[in-house]
Amino acid sequence: MQFLAFAFIYPFLWLISKLPMKILYLKSSIFYYITFYIFRYRKTVVLNNLKLAFPDKNLEDLLKIRKKFFKHFMDSMVETIKAISISKKEIAKRYTYKNAALLEKYVKEGKSIALLGAHQGNWEWIAGLPLYTSANIFGSYKHIRNAFFNNLVTKTRSKFGITLFESKQIVKAIHRNFSTNKHGAYVLISDQSPMLTKKMYWSNFFNVKVPIHAGAEAMAKKFDLVVLNWSVTKIKRGYYNAEFTVITEKPKEEEKNFITEKYLELTENQIKKQPECYLWSHKRFKHKDRFEDWQKENL
């Protein structure tokens, strides 16, 4: 059954991925109209998230951001499909790096790096990062139940040289790399809403108290990883520029939660510059009313 589903859908995805970007963006505009006006996909979720994040903006401004978000969201969907067959030349032209040389600096020093990013701009096209650096690039992925689609996703994301590990195996992978003295940069997207646990760390994201993934900080301290923030600016439709910012070169010397808090600050600042380019359709604030109950349950 898994193969039948894959065999039916994959040819369409591959054919779509082979289309010129101009045609893909035409399709994106059509998908936007259908998603926004007919299916009304998560329009309420997006608006509620924007209201929480930007309480000082009036409704008219929030509705404008919401429209821009859905247009960008559809663009990111076709760009993800395009990644199946995109060439080195095209991804290098469309997804550039302001300061990729920063990675080389740490490669020469024999250090490994944690690259902390968010669901902002275009996060799938970071697959082209190995084209810009001699550093070994490692990433994690969430396993897809359909083995054939799982293979497609991992093949697409690793086509330019990224080595992928399943999310739950990433710590073991880092440990294995360090035991064999294999250095590199680990791409870690850390803005998802985590499951609640007793040891959960809570902080403010856009002045809303939410649980935060602190695993990246824990790994940085455990393995002494240089920590860089990775942010993406959308230059125009289909063109992005990524920039790395140093959070710390000495994670073991930083106070507890400093790395996580700095990451949140940098992520917020980038989102505020281009609010339409953040993934507002996911329920980032879904636990916002659980903090007091969580405190009572875990005291």
C-alpha atoms as a PDB file:
ATOM      1  CA  MET A   1       0.000   0.000   0.000  1.00  0.00           C
ATOM      2  CA  GLN A   2       2.874   2.375   0.830  1.00  0.00           C
ATOM      3  CA  PHE A   3       4.447   1.739  -2.548  1.00  0.00           C
ATOM      4  CA  LEU A   4       1.151   2.274  -4.386  1.00  0.00           C
ATOM      5  CA  ALA A   5       0.687   5.664  -2.709  1.00  0.00           C
ATOM      6  CA  PHE A   6       4.255   6.637  -3.578  1.00  0.00           C
ATOM      7  CA  ALA A   7       4.008   5.298  -7.146  1.00  0.00           C
ATOM      8  CA  PHE A   8       0.867   7.367  -7.720  1.00  0.00           C
ATOM      9  CA  ILE A   9       2.107  10.658  -6.232  1.00  0.00           C
ATOM     10  CA  TYR A  10       5.843  10.714  -6.983  1.00  0.00           C
ATOM     11  CA  PRO A  11       5.608  11.080 -10.801  1.00  0.00           C
ATOM     12  CA  PHE A  12       3.514  14.224 -10.328  1.00  0.00           C
ATOM     13  CA  LEU A  13       5.968  15.654  -7.795  1.00  0.00           C
ATOM     14  CA  TRP A  14       8.914  14.927 -10.083  1.00  0.00           C
ATOM     15  CA  LEU A  15       7.228  16.487 -13.114  1.00  0.00           C
ATOM     16  CA  ILE A  16       6.280  19.579 -11.102  1.00  0.00           C
ATOM     17  CA  SER A  17       9.855  19.875  -9.815  1.00  0.00           C
ATOM     18  CA  LYS A  18      11.146  19.967 -13.395  1.00  0.00           C
ATOM     19  CA  LEU A  19       9.057  23.004 -14.301  1.00  0.00           C
ATOM     20  CA  PRO A  20      10.779  26.418 -14.615  1.00  0.00           C
ATOM     21  CA  MET A  21      10.469  28.596 -11.513  1.00  0.00           C
ATOM     22  CA  LYS A  22       8.272  31.109 -13.365  1.00  0.00           C
ATOM     23  CA  ILE A  23       5.712  28.391 -14.015  1.00  0.00           C
ATOM     24  CA  LEU A  24       5.986  27.109 -10.447  1.00  0.00           C
ATOM     25  CA  TYR A  25       5.282  30.553  -9.044  1.00  0.00           C
ATOM     26  CA  LEU A  26       2.277  30.871 -11.336  1.00  0.00           C
ATOM     27  CA  LYS A  27       1.007  27.620  -9.825  1.00  0.00           C
ATOM     28  CA  SER A  28       1.851  28.960  -6.371  1.00  0.00           C
ATOM     29  CA  SER A  29      -0.402  31.960  -6.975  1.00  0.00           C
ATOM     30  CA  ILE A  30      -3.234  29.626  -7.971  1.00  0.00           C
ATOM     31  CA  PHE A  31      -2.625  27.434  -4.899  1.00  0.00           C
ATOM     32  CA  TYR A  32      -2.682  30.577  -2.757  1.00  0.00           C
ATOM     33  CA  TYR A  33      -6.095  31.572  -4.048  1.00  0.00           C
ATOM     34  CA  ILE A  34      -7.515  28.079  -3.487  1.00  0.00           C
ATOM     35  CA  THR A  35      -5.952  27.696  -0.029  1.00  0.00           C
ATOM     36  CA  PHE A  36      -6.802  31.173   1.210  1.00  0.00           C
ATOM     37  CA  TYR A  37     -10.232  31.812  -0.286  1.00  0.00           C
ATOM     38  CA  ILE A  38     -11.747  28.356  -0.792  1.00  0.00           C
ATOM     39  CA  PHE A  39     -10.279  25.948   1.757  1.00  0.00           C
ATOM     40  CA  ARG A  40      -9.422  28.779   4.197  1.00  0.00           C
ATOM     41  CA  TYR A  41      -6.591  26.633   5.558  1.00  0.00           C
ATOM     42  CA  ARG A  42      -5.691  27.599   9.135  1.00  0.00           C
ATOM     43  CA  LYS A  43      -6.624  31.237   8.572  1.00  0.00           C
ATOM     44  CA  THR A  44      -7.866  31.510  12.147  1.00  0.00           C
ATOM     45  CA  VAL A  45      -4.725  29.855  13.559  1.00  0.00           C
ATOM     46  CA  VAL A  46      -2.498  32.255  11.643  1.00  0.00           C
ATOM     47  CA  LEU A  47      -4.451  35.343  12.683  1.00  0.00           C
ATOM     48  CA  ASN A  48      -4.538  34.297  16.345  1.00  0.00           C
ATOM     49  CA  ASN A  49      -0.779  33.712  16.300  1.00  0.00           C
ATOM     50  CA  LEU A  50      -0.203  37.138  14.741  1.00  0.00           C
ATOM     51  CA  LYS A  51      -2.439  38.790  17.353  1.00  0.00           C
ATOM     52  CA  LEU A  52      -0.346  37.235  20.126  1.00  0.00           C
ATOM     53  CA  ALA A  53       2.974  38.101  18.506  1.00  0.00           C
ATOM     54  CA  PHE A  54       2.079  41.662  17.494  1.00  0.00           C
ATOM     55  CA  PRO A  55      -0.432  43.031  20.033  1.00  0.00           C
ATOM     56  CA  ASP A  56       0.422  46.621  19.029  1.00  0.00           C
ATOM     57  CA  LYS A  57      -0.610  46.147  15.400  1.00  0.00           C
ATOM     58  CA  ASN A  58      -4.170  46.892  14.339  1.00  0.00           C
ATOM     59  CA  LEU A  59      -6.387  44.296  12.683  1.00  0.00           C
ATOM     60  CA  GLU A  60      -5.919  45.781   9.218  1.00  0.00           C
ATOM     61  CA  ASP A  61      -2.135  45.387   9.432  1.00  0.00           C
ATOM     62  CA  LEU A  62      -2.435  41.843  10.784  1.00  0.00           C
ATOM     63  CA  LEU A  63      -4.717  40.844   7.928  1.00  0.00           C
ATOM     64  CA  LYS A  64      -2.182  42.215   5.432  1.00  0.00           C
ATOM     65  CA  ILE A  65       0.573  40.157   7.057  1.00  0.00           C
ATOM     66  CA  ARG A  66      -1.667  37.096   6.958  1.00  0.00           C
ATOM     67  CA  LYS A  67      -2.220  37.461   3.207  1.00  0.00           C
ATOM     68  CA  LYS A  68       1.495  37.919   2.598  1.00  0.00           C
ATOM     69  CA  PHE A  69       2.199  34.885   4.776  1.00  0.00           C
ATOM     70  CA  PHE A  70      -0.061  32.614   2.717  1.00  0.00           C
ATOM     71  CA  LYS A  71       1.538  33.826  -0.502  1.00  0.00           C
ATOM     72  CA  HIS A  72       4.994  33.085   0.899  1.00  0.00           C
ATOM     73  CA  PHE A  73       3.769  29.777   2.347  1.00  0.00           C
ATOM     74  CA  MET A  74       2.618  28.593  -1.083  1.00  0.00           C
ATOM     75  CA  ASP A  75       5.919  29.742  -2.594  1.00  0.00           C
ATOM     76  CA  SER A  76       7.794  27.708   0.015  1.00  0.00           C
ATOM     77  CA  MET A  77       5.695  24.648  -0.855  1.00  0.00           C
ATOM     78  CA  VAL A  78       6.597  24.761  -4.553  1.00  0.00           C
ATOM     79  CA  GLU A  79      10.219  25.530  -3.641  1.00  0.00           C
ATOM     80  CA  THR A  80      10.253  22.385  -1.497  1.00  0.00           C
ATOM     81  CA  ILE A  81       9.004  20.358  -4.461  1.00  0.00           C
ATOM     82  CA  LYS A  82      11.558  22.061  -6.713  1.00  0.00           C
ATOM     83  CA  ALA A  83      14.277  20.804  -4.360  1.00  0.00           C
ATOM     84  CA  ILE A  84      13.690  17.281  -5.713  1.00  0.00           C
ATOM     85  CA  SER A  85      15.414  18.130  -8.992  1.00  0.00           C
ATOM     86  CA  ILE A  86      17.027  21.549  -8.470  1.00  0.00           C
ATOM     87  CA  SER A  87      20.572  21.796  -9.800  1.00  0.00           C
ATOM     88  CA  LYS A  88      23.685  22.968  -7.961  1.00  0.00           C
ATOM     89  CA  LYS A  89      23.849  26.013 -10.204  1.00  0.00           C
ATOM     90  CA  GLU A  90      20.268  27.082  -9.538  1.00  0.00           C
ATOM     91  CA  ILE A  91      20.239  26.583  -5.774  1.00  0.00           C
ATOM     92  CA  ALA A  92      23.587  28.412  -5.511  1.00  0.00           C
ATOM     93  CA  LYS A  93      22.063  31.320  -7.443  1.00  0.00           C
ATOM     94  CA  ARG A  94      18.845  31.461  -5.465  1.00  0.00           C
ATOM     95  CA  TYR A  95      20.068  30.702  -1.928  1.00  0.00           C
ATOM     96  CA  THR A  96      23.223  32.608  -1.030  1.00  0.00           C
ATOM     97  CA  TYR A  97      25.179  33.111   2.176  1.00  0.00           C
ATOM     98  CA  LYS A  98      26.385  36.458   3.456  1.00  0.00           C
ATOM     99  CA  ASN A  99      29.221  35.052   5.550  1.00  0.00           C
ATOM    100  CA  ALA A 100      29.774  31.355   4.855  1.00  0.00           C
ATOM    101  CA  ALA A 101      33.478  32.061   5.461  1.00  0.00           C
ATOM    102  CA  LEU A 102      32.643  32.077   9.175  1.00  0.00           C
ATOM    103  CA  LEU A 103      32.178  28.309   8.990  1.00  0.00           C
ATOM    104  CA  GLU A 104      35.610  27.944   7.384  1.00  0.00           C
ATOM    105  CA  LYS A 105      37.159  29.805  10.297  1.00  0.00           C
ATOM    106  CA  TYR A 106      35.979  27.174  12.735  1.00  0.00           C
ATOM    107  CA  VAL A 107      36.804  24.318  10.364  1.00  0.00           C
ATOM    108  CA  LYS A 108      40.414  25.487  10.324  1.00  0.00           C
ATOM    109  CA  GLU A 109      40.393  25.688  14.128  1.00  0.00           C
ATOM    110  CA  GLY A 110      39.160  22.082  14.299  1.00  0.00           C
ATOM    111  CA  LYS A 111      35.879  22.996  15.980  1.00  0.00           C
ATOM    112  CA  SER A 112      32.357  21.696  15.483  1.00  0.00           C
ATOM    113  CA  ILE A 113      29.336  23.972  15.201  1.00  0.00           C
ATOM    114  CA  ALA A 114      25.681  24.036  16.159  1.00  0.00           C
ATOM    115  CA  LEU A 115      23.680  25.991  13.547  1.00  0.00           C
ATOM    116  CA  LEU A 116      20.443  27.093  15.220  1.00  0.00           C
ATOM    117  CA  GLY A 117      17.668  28.052  12.824  1.00  0.00           C
ATOM    118  CA  ALA A 118      13.894  28.454  12.679  1.00  0.00           C
ATOM    119  CA  HIS A 119      10.980  27.831  10.318  1.00  0.00           C
ATOM    120  CA  GLN A 120      11.564  31.195   8.736  1.00  0.00           C
ATOM    121  CA  GLY A 121      12.339  32.274   5.179  1.00  0.00           C
ATOM    122  CA  ASN A 122      13.193  29.059   3.353  1.00  0.00           C
ATOM    123  CA  TRP A 123      14.680  26.364   5.577  1.00  0.00           C
ATOM    124  CA  GLU A 124      14.609  23.490   3.068  1.00  0.00           C
ATOM    125  CA  TRP A 125      17.121  25.050   0.672  1.00  0.00           C
ATOM    126  CA  ILE A 126      19.854  25.025   3.317  1.00  0.00           C
ATOM    127  CA  ALA A 127      20.478  21.658   1.656  1.00  0.00           C
ATOM    128  CA  GLY A 128      22.833  23.621  -0.619  1.00  0.00           C
ATOM    129  CA  LEU A 129      25.119  24.734   2.238  1.00  0.00           C
ATOM    130  CA  PRO A 130      27.813  22.094   1.449  1.00  0.00           C
ATOM    131  CA  LEU A 131      28.378  23.930  -1.844  1.00  0.00           C
ATOM    132  CA  TYR A 132      29.698  26.917   0.129  1.00  0.00           C
ATOM    133  CA  THR A 133      31.940  25.285   2.715  1.00  0.00           C
ATOM    134  CA  SER A 134      34.399  22.465   3.247  1.00  0.00           C
ATOM    135  CA  ALA A 135      32.775  21.720   6.614  1.00  0.00           C
ATOM    136  CA  ASN A 136      30.924  18.450   7.045  1.00  0.00           C
ATOM    137  CA  ILE A 137      27.253  19.422   7.322  1.00  0.00           C
ATOM    138  CA  PHE A 138      24.906  17.260   9.379  1.00  0.00           C
ATOM    139  CA  GLY A 139      21.144  17.542   9.732  1.00  0.00           C
ATOM    140  CA  SER A 140      18.299  15.711  11.403  1.00  0.00           C
ATOM    141  CA  TYR A 141      14.924  14.673  10.071  1.00  0.00           C
ATOM    142  CA  LYS A 142      11.688  13.310  11.445  1.00  0.00           C
ATOM    143  CA  HIS A 143      11.014   9.820  10.158  1.00  0.00           C
ATOM    144  CA  ILE A 144       8.074   9.494   7.742  1.00  0.00           C
ATOM    145  CA  ARG A 145       5.996   6.328   8.104  1.00  0.00           C
ATOM    146  CA  ASN A 146       5.876   5.704   4.371  1.00  0.00           C
ATOM    147  CA  ALA A 147       9.357   4.304   3.718  1.00  0.00           C
ATOM    148  CA  PHE A 148       9.330   5.392   0.073  1.00  0.00           C
ATOM    149  CA  PHE A 149       8.504   9.027   0.854  1.00  0.00           C
ATOM    150  CA  ASN A 150      10.976   8.909   3.742  1.00  0.00           C
ATOM    151  CA  ASN A 151      13.657   7.869   1.265  1.00  0.00           C
ATOM    152  CA  LEU A 152      12.641  10.654  -1.140  1.00  0.00           C
ATOM    153  CA  VAL A 153      12.864  13.338   1.561  1.00  0.00           C
ATOM    154  CA  THR A 154      16.244  12.166   2.859  1.00  0.00           C
ATOM    155  CA  LYS A 155      17.611  11.822  -0.674  1.00  0.00           C
ATOM    156  CA  THR A 156      16.424  15.339  -1.578  1.00  0.00           C
ATOM    157  CA  ARG A 157      17.825  16.956   1.555  1.00  0.00           C
ATOM    158  CA  SER A 158      21.177  15.184   1.289  1.00  0.00           C
ATOM    159  CA  LYS A 159      21.717  15.501  -2.504  1.00  0.00           C
ATOM    160  CA  PHE A 160      24.353  18.237  -2.162  1.00  0.00           C
ATOM    161  CA  GLY A 161      26.290  16.621   0.661  1.00  0.00           C
ATOM    162  CA  ILE A 162      24.420  16.974   3.960  1.00  0.00           C
ATOM    163  CA  THR A 163      24.596  13.846   6.116  1.00  0.00           C
ATOM    164  CA  LEU A 164      21.226  13.164   7.743  1.00  0.00           C
ATOM    165  CA  PHE A 165      20.351  11.443  10.989  1.00  0.00           C
ATOM    166  CA  GLU A 166      16.933  10.661  12.365  1.00  0.00           C
ATOM    167  CA  SER A 167      16.036  13.236  15.063  1.00  0.00           C
ATOM    168  CA  LYS A 168      16.095  10.790  17.954  1.00  0.00           C
ATOM    169  CA  GLN A 169      19.552   9.579  16.855  1.00  0.00           C
ATOM    170  CA  ILE A 170      21.249  12.970  16.559  1.00  0.00           C
ATOM    171  CA  VAL A 171      22.939  12.898  19.988  1.00  0.00           C
ATOM    172  CA  LYS A 172      24.351   9.426  19.337  1.00  0.00           C
ATOM    173  CA  ALA A 173      25.532  10.618  15.919  1.00  0.00           C
ATOM    174  CA  ILE A 174      27.386  13.598  17.408  1.00  0.00           C
ATOM    175  CA  HIS A 175      28.951  11.350  20.032  1.00  0.00           C
ATOM    176  CA  ARG A 176      30.057   8.915  17.321  1.00  0.00           C
ATOM    177  CA  ASN A 177      31.541  11.734  15.233  1.00  0.00           C
ATOM    178  CA  PHE A 178      33.468  13.075  18.205  1.00  0.00           C
ATOM    179  CA  SER A 179      34.782   9.637  19.099  1.00  0.00           C
ATOM    180  CA  THR A 180      36.268   9.414  15.586  1.00  0.00           C
ATOM    181  CA  ASN A 181      37.416  13.064  15.610  1.00  0.00           C
ATOM    182  CA  LYS A 182      35.049  13.986  12.774  1.00  0.00           C
ATOM    183  CA  HIS A 183      34.139  17.655  13.007  1.00  0.00           C
ATOM    184  CA  GLY A 184      31.310  19.509  11.285  1.00  0.00           C
ATOM    185  CA  ALA A 185      28.272  21.749  11.561  1.00  0.00           C
ATOM    186  CA  TYR A 186      24.923  20.481  12.852  1.00  0.00           C
ATOM    187  CA  VAL A 187      21.771  22.148  11.498  1.00  0.00           C
ATOM    188  CA  LEU A 188      19.223  22.313  14.327  1.00  0.00           C
ATOM    189  CA  ILE A 189      15.795  23.914  13.826  1.00  0.00           C
ATOM    190  CA  SER A 190      14.637  24.662  17.355  1.00  0.00           C
ATOM    191  CA  ASP A 191      11.443  26.736  17.228  1.00  0.00           C
ATOM    192  CA  GLN A 192       8.894  23.900  17.285  1.00  0.00           C
ATOM    193  CA  SER A 193       6.482  23.565  20.189  1.00  0.00           C
ATOM    194  CA  PRO A 194       7.756  20.611  22.245  1.00  0.00           C
ATOM    195  CA  MET A 195       5.796  18.046  24.226  1.00  0.00           C
ATOM    196  CA  LEU A 196       5.389  19.004  27.869  1.00  0.00           C
ATOM    197  CA  THR A 197       7.658  17.217  30.326  1.00  0.00           C
ATOM    198  CA  LYS A 198       8.655  17.668  33.959  1.00  0.00           C
ATOM    199  CA  LYS A 199      12.030  19.128  32.995  1.00  0.00           C
ATOM    200  CA  MET A 200      10.558  21.528  30.429  1.00  0.00           C
ATOM    201  CA  TYR A 201      12.123  24.962  30.064  1.00  0.00           C
ATOM    202  CA  TRP A 202       9.681  27.862  29.664  1.00  0.00           C
ATOM    203  CA  SER A 203      10.505  31.293  28.313  1.00  0.00           C
ATOM    204  CA  ASN A 204       8.965  34.249  26.511  1.00  0.00           C
ATOM    205  CA  PHE A 205       8.594  34.123  22.745  1.00  0.00           C
ATOM    206  CA  PHE A 206       7.037  37.363  21.500  1.00  0.00           C
ATOM    207  CA  ASN A 207       6.151  38.064  25.162  1.00  0.00           C
ATOM    208  CA  VAL A 208       4.125  34.854  25.378  1.00  0.00           C
ATOM    209  CA  LYS A 209       5.156  32.244  27.958  1.00  0.00           C
ATOM    210  CA  VAL A 210       5.749  29.009  26.045  1.00  0.00           C
ATOM    211  CA  PRO A 211       7.768  25.785  26.468  1.00  0.00           C
ATOM    212  CA  ILE A 212      11.071  25.872  24.602  1.00  0.00           C
ATOM    213  CA  HIS A 213      13.272  23.225  23.040  1.00  0.00           C
ATOM    214  CA  ALA A 214      16.545  23.479  24.977  1.00  0.00           C
ATOM    215  CA  GLY A 215      18.130  20.392  23.435  1.00  0.00           C
ATOM    216  CA  ALA A 216      20.431  22.423  21.172  1.00  0.00           C
ATOM    217  CA  GLU A 217      21.928  24.206  24.165  1.00  0.00           C
ATOM    218  CA  ALA A 218      22.380  20.922  26.016  1.00  0.00           C
ATOM    219  CA  MET A 219      24.200  19.403  23.033  1.00  0.00           C
ATOM    220  CA  ALA A 220      26.368  22.502  22.603  1.00  0.00           C
ATOM    221  CA  LYS A 221      27.477  22.336  26.224  1.00  0.00           C
ATOM    222  CA  LYS A 222      27.969  18.571  26.209  1.00  0.00           C
ATOM    223  CA  PHE A 223      30.119  18.526  23.057  1.00  0.00           C
ATOM    224  CA  ASP A 224      31.554  22.069  23.328  1.00  0.00           C
ATOM    225  CA  LEU A 225      30.037  23.183  20.016  1.00  0.00           C
ATOM    226  CA  VAL A 226      30.497  26.717  18.737  1.00  0.00           C
ATOM    227  CA  VAL A 227      26.933  28.056  18.479  1.00  0.00           C
ATOM    228  CA  LEU A 228      25.837  30.114  15.489  1.00  0.00           C
ATOM    229  CA  ASN A 229      22.417  31.468  14.680  1.00  0.00           C
ATOM    230  CA  TRP A 230      21.263  31.002  11.090  1.00  0.00           C
ATOM    231  CA  SER A 231      18.697  33.524   9.800  1.00  0.00           C
ATOM    232  CA  VAL A 232      17.253  33.941   6.309  1.00  0.00           C
ATOM    233  CA  THR A 233      16.171  37.090   4.488  1.00  0.00           C
ATOM    234  CA  LYS A 234      13.886  36.854   1.472  1.00  0.00           C
ATOM    235  CA  ILE A 235      15.388  39.180  -1.135  1.00  0.00           C
ATOM    236  CA  LYS A 236      12.589  38.702  -3.634  1.00  0.00           C
ATOM    237  CA  ARG A 237      10.422  35.861  -4.862  1.00  0.00           C
ATOM    238  CA  GLY A 238      12.607  32.765  -5.131  1.00  0.00           C
ATOM    239  CA  TYR A 239      15.794  34.411  -3.817  1.00  0.00           C
ATOM    240  CA  TYR A 240      17.148  34.227  -0.278  1.00  0.00           C
ATOM    241  CA  ASN A 241      20.243  35.272   1.634  1.00  0.00           C
ATOM    242  CA  ALA A 242      21.315  33.478   4.815  1.00  0.00           C
ATOM    243  CA  GLU A 243      23.512  34.959   7.519  1.00  0.00           C
ATOM    244  CA  PHE A 244      25.308  33.400  10.483  1.00  0.00           C
ATOM    245  CA  THR A 245      25.622  35.199  13.821  1.00  0.00           C
ATOM    246  CA  VAL A 246      27.874  34.012  16.618  1.00  0.00           C
ATOM    247  CA  ILE A 247      25.977  33.226  19.817  1.00  0.00           C
ATOM    248  CA  THR A 248      28.982  31.815  21.657  1.00  0.00           C
ATOM    249  CA  GLU A 249      32.331  30.203  20.990  1.00  0.00           C
ATOM    250  CA  LYS A 250      32.565  28.848  24.541  1.00  0.00           C
ATOM    251  CA  PRO A 251      29.217  27.268  25.443  1.00  0.00           C
ATOM    252  CA  LYS A 252      30.487  25.586  28.602  1.00  0.00           C
ATOM    253  CA  GLU A 253      31.344  28.982  30.058  1.00  0.00           C
ATOM    254  CA  GLU A 254      27.893  30.490  29.431  1.00  0.00           C
ATOM    255  CA  GLU A 255      25.221  30.733  32.112  1.00  0.00           C
ATOM    256  CA  LYS A 256      22.375  28.248  31.955  1.00  0.00           C
ATOM    257  CA  ASN A 257      19.794  29.135  29.267  1.00  0.00           C
ATOM    258  CA  PHE A 258      21.933  31.948  27.803  1.00  0.00           C
ATOM    259  CA  ILE A 259      22.254  30.172  24.446  1.00  0.00           C
ATOM    260  CA  THR A 260      18.525  29.410  24.246  1.00  0.00           C
ATOM    261  CA  GLU A 261      17.541  32.958  25.208  1.00  0.00           C
ATOM    262  CA  LYS A 262      19.934  34.507  22.698  1.00  0.00           C
ATOM    263  CA  TYR A 263      18.600  32.217  19.972  1.00  0.00           C
ATOM    264  CA  LEU A 264      15.035  33.307  20.782  1.00  0.00           C
ATOM    265  CA  GLU A 265      16.055  36.973  20.708  1.00  0.00           C
ATOM    266  CA  LEU A 266      17.743  36.672  17.311  1.00  0.00           C
ATOM    267  CA  THR A 267      14.837  34.648  15.914  1.00  0.00           C
ATOM    268  CA  GLU A 268      12.303  37.241  17.077  1.00  0.00           C
ATOM    269  CA  ASN A 269      14.331  40.085  15.586  1.00  0.00           C
ATOM    270  CA  GLN A 270      14.512  38.373  12.193  1.00  0.00           C
ATOM    271  CA  ILE A 271      10.793  37.539  12.205  1.00  0.00           C
ATOM    272  CA  LYS A 272       9.932  41.158  12.977  1.00  0.00           C
ATOM    273  CA  LYS A 273      11.846  42.253   9.875  1.00  0.00           C
ATOM    274  CA  GLN A 274       9.799  39.954   7.605  1.00  0.00           C
ATOM    275  CA  PRO A 275       6.826  38.678   9.625  1.00  0.00           C
ATOM    276  CA  GLU A 276       5.185  37.127   6.566  1.00  0.00           C
ATOM    277  CA  CYS A 277       8.132  34.726   6.171  1.00  0.00           C
ATOM    278  CA  TYR A 278       7.638  32.857   9.455  1.00  0.00           C
ATOM    279  CA  LEU A 279       5.618  29.645   9.708  1.00  0.00           C
ATOM    280  CA  TRP A 280       2.572  31.081  11.509  1.00  0.00           C
ATOM    281  CA  SER A 281       0.399  28.128  10.508  1.00  0.00           C
ATOM    282  CA  HIS A 282       1.956  25.875  13.145  1.00  0.00           C
ATOM    283  CA  LYS A 283       0.581  26.135  16.683  1.00  0.00           C
ATOM    284  CA  ARG A 284       3.637  27.635  18.349  1.00  0.00           C
ATOM    285  CA  PHE A 285       1.612  29.091  21.212  1.00  0.00           C
ATOM    286  CA  LYS A 286      -0.652  26.100  21.862  1.00  0.00           C
ATOM    287  CA  HIS A 287       0.637  25.627  25.441  1.00  0.00           C
ATOM    288  CA  LYS A 288       0.480  29.312  26.398  1.00  0.00           C
ATOM    289  CA  ASP A 289      -2.284  28.724  28.965  1.00  0.00           C
ATOM    290  CA  ARG A 290      -0.620  25.680  30.507  1.00  0.00           C
ATOM    291  CA  PHE A 291       2.284  27.312  32.350  1.00  0.00           C
ATOM    292  CA  GLU A 292       0.595  27.799  35.729  1.00  0.00           C
ATOM    293  CA  ASP A 293      -0.910  24.298  35.639  1.00  0.00           C
ATOM    294  CA  TRP A 294       2.473  22.888  34.641  1.00  0.00           C
ATOM    295  CA  GLN A 295       4.116  24.664  37.578  1.00  0.00           C
ATOM    296  CA  LYS A 296       1.583  23.263  40.037  1.00  0.00           C
ATOM    297  CA  GLU A 297       1.947  19.740  38.644  1.00  0.00           C
ATOM    298  CA  ASN A 298       5.750  19.818  38.787  1.00  0.00           C
ATOM    299  CA  LEU A 299       6.542  21.644  42.018  1.00  0.00           C
END
